[in-house]
Structure formats: structure tokens, C-alpha cells
C-alpha atoms as a PDB file:
ATOM      1  CA  UNK A   1      46.056  87.612 113.149  1.00  0.00           C
ATOM      2  CA  UNK A   2      48.277  84.546 113.351  1.00  0.00           C
ATOM      3  CA  UNK A   3      46.916  81.009 113.751  1.00  0.00           C
ATOM      4  CA  UNK A   4      48.022  77.421 113.272  1.00  0.00           C
ATOM      5  CA  UNK A   5      46.249  74.440 111.705  1.00  0.00           C
ATOM      6  CA  UNK A   6      47.828  70.972 111.833  1.00  0.00           C
ATOM      7  CA  UNK A   7      51.255  72.460 112.542  1.00  0.00           C
ATOM      8  CA  UNK A   8      51.113  74.960 109.643  1.00  0.00           C
ATOM      9  CA  UNK A   9      51.292  78.682 110.459  1.00  0.00           C
ATOM     10  CA  UNK A  10      48.891  81.093 108.774  1.00  0.00           C
ATOM     11  CA  UNK A  11      48.441  84.856 108.933  1.00  0.00           C
ATOM     12  CA  UNK A  12      45.244  86.760 108.229  1.00  0.00           C
ATOM     13  CA  UNK A  13      45.743  90.339 107.059  1.00  0.00           C
ATOM     14  CA  UNK A  14      43.860  93.102 105.287  1.00  0.00           C
ATOM     15  CA  UNK A  15      45.663  94.460 102.209  1.00  0.00           C
ATOM     16  CA  UNK A  16      44.689  98.129 102.166  1.00  0.00           C
ATOM     17  CA  UNK A  17      45.739  98.741  98.530  1.00  0.00           C
ATOM     18  CA  UNK A  18      43.372  96.002  97.321  1.00  0.00           C
ATOM     19  CA  UNK A  19      40.668  96.531  99.972  1.00  0.00           C
ATOM     20  CA  UNK A  20      40.427  92.806 100.721  1.00  0.00           C
ATOM     21  CA  UNK A  21      41.474  90.129 103.217  1.00  0.00           C
ATOM     22  CA  UNK A  22      44.113  87.472 102.549  1.00  0.00           C
ATOM     23  CA  UNK A  23      45.441  84.444 104.394  1.00  0.00           C
ATOM     24  CA  UNK A  24      49.214  84.145 104.044  1.00  0.00           C
ATOM     25  CA  UNK A  25      50.806  80.694 104.366  1.00  0.00           C
ATOM     26  CA  UNK A  26      54.632  80.597 104.596  1.00  0.00           C
ATOM     27  CA  UNK A  27      56.257  77.744 102.652  1.00  0.00           C
ATOM     28  CA  UNK A  28      59.829  76.649 101.917  1.00  0.00           C
ATOM     29  CA  UNK A  29      59.599  78.434  98.521  1.00  0.00           C
ATOM     30  CA  UNK A  30      58.006  81.681  99.731  1.00  0.00           C
ATOM     31  CA  UNK A  31      54.588  82.794 100.892  1.00  0.00           C
ATOM     32  CA  UNK A  32      51.259  81.646  99.448  1.00  0.00           C
ATOM     33  CA  UNK A  33      48.655  84.411  99.344  1.00  0.00           C
ATOM     34  CA  UNK A  34      45.110  83.034  99.581  1.00  0.00           C
ATOM     35  CA  UNK A  35      42.217  85.474  98.991  1.00  0.00           C
ATOM     36  CA  UNK A  36      39.383  85.374 101.523  1.00  0.00           C
ATOM     37  CA  UNK A  37      35.932  85.236  99.938  1.00  0.00           C
ATOM     38  CA  UNK A  38      32.896  86.571 101.756  1.00  0.00           C
ATOM     39  CA  UNK A  39      29.602  84.866 100.983  1.00  0.00           C
ATOM     40  CA  UNK A  40      27.511  87.535 102.701  1.00  0.00           C
ATOM     41  CA  UNK A  41      25.431  90.100 100.876  1.00  0.00           C
ATOM     42  CA  UNK A  42      26.938  93.591 100.951  1.00  0.00           C
ATOM     43  CA  UNK A  43      24.669  96.220 102.478  1.00  0.00           C
ATOM     44  CA  UNK A  44      24.484  99.848 101.410  1.00  0.00           C
ATOM     45  CA  UNK A  45      23.866 101.026 104.983  1.00  0.00           C
ATOM     46  CA  UNK A  46      23.250  99.550 108.397  1.00  0.00           C
ATOM     47  CA  UNK A  47      19.690  98.465 109.100  1.00  0.00           C
ATOM     48  CA  UNK A  48      17.595  99.240 112.157  1.00  0.00           C
ATOM     49  CA  UNK A  49      15.716  96.539 113.998  1.00  0.00           C
ATOM     50  CA  UNK A  50      12.188  97.599 114.896  1.00  0.00           C
ATOM     51  CA  UNK A  51      11.502  96.214 118.355  1.00  0.00           C
ATOM     52  CA  UNK A  52       7.761  96.151 117.641  1.00  0.00           C
ATOM     53  CA  UNK A  53       8.084  93.834 114.646  1.00  0.00           C
ATOM     54  CA  UNK A  54       8.187  90.054 114.870  1.00  0.00           C
ATOM     55  CA  UNK A  55       9.999  87.530 112.721  1.00  0.00           C
ATOM     56  CA  UNK A  56       7.796  84.933 111.050  1.00  0.00           C
ATOM     57  CA  UNK A  57       8.918  81.338 110.687  1.00  0.00           C
END
């Protein structure tokens, strides 16, 4: 995915060999590779929402 912020181009790509996402930022001296960090908890398997249960607040 390509996007632009304040006139600077960026590219988001998944690096299969490392099994992680990076943002690439082209510069005059080459390309900066910025790792993408995920703050979410990793799940072992997908959960199932029970329609009969209710969330408490």
C-alpha cells in the first residue's frame, strides 16, 4: 500500500521472510525501513461470540 503524509511518500509491505510488516520511506540516501509494531494481544485461535451472553460495563 502506498500513501503520502506531508508530501513524503511511504509504502506499507509485508516481508514474508521475516513474517512482519514494514513501512518503507524513500530518501535521497536510500530507503528507510521502519518496523510496524502491533500492540494487540495475539490469539491462539478465533473466538466465538455467544449471542446469548451480555457484556457487563
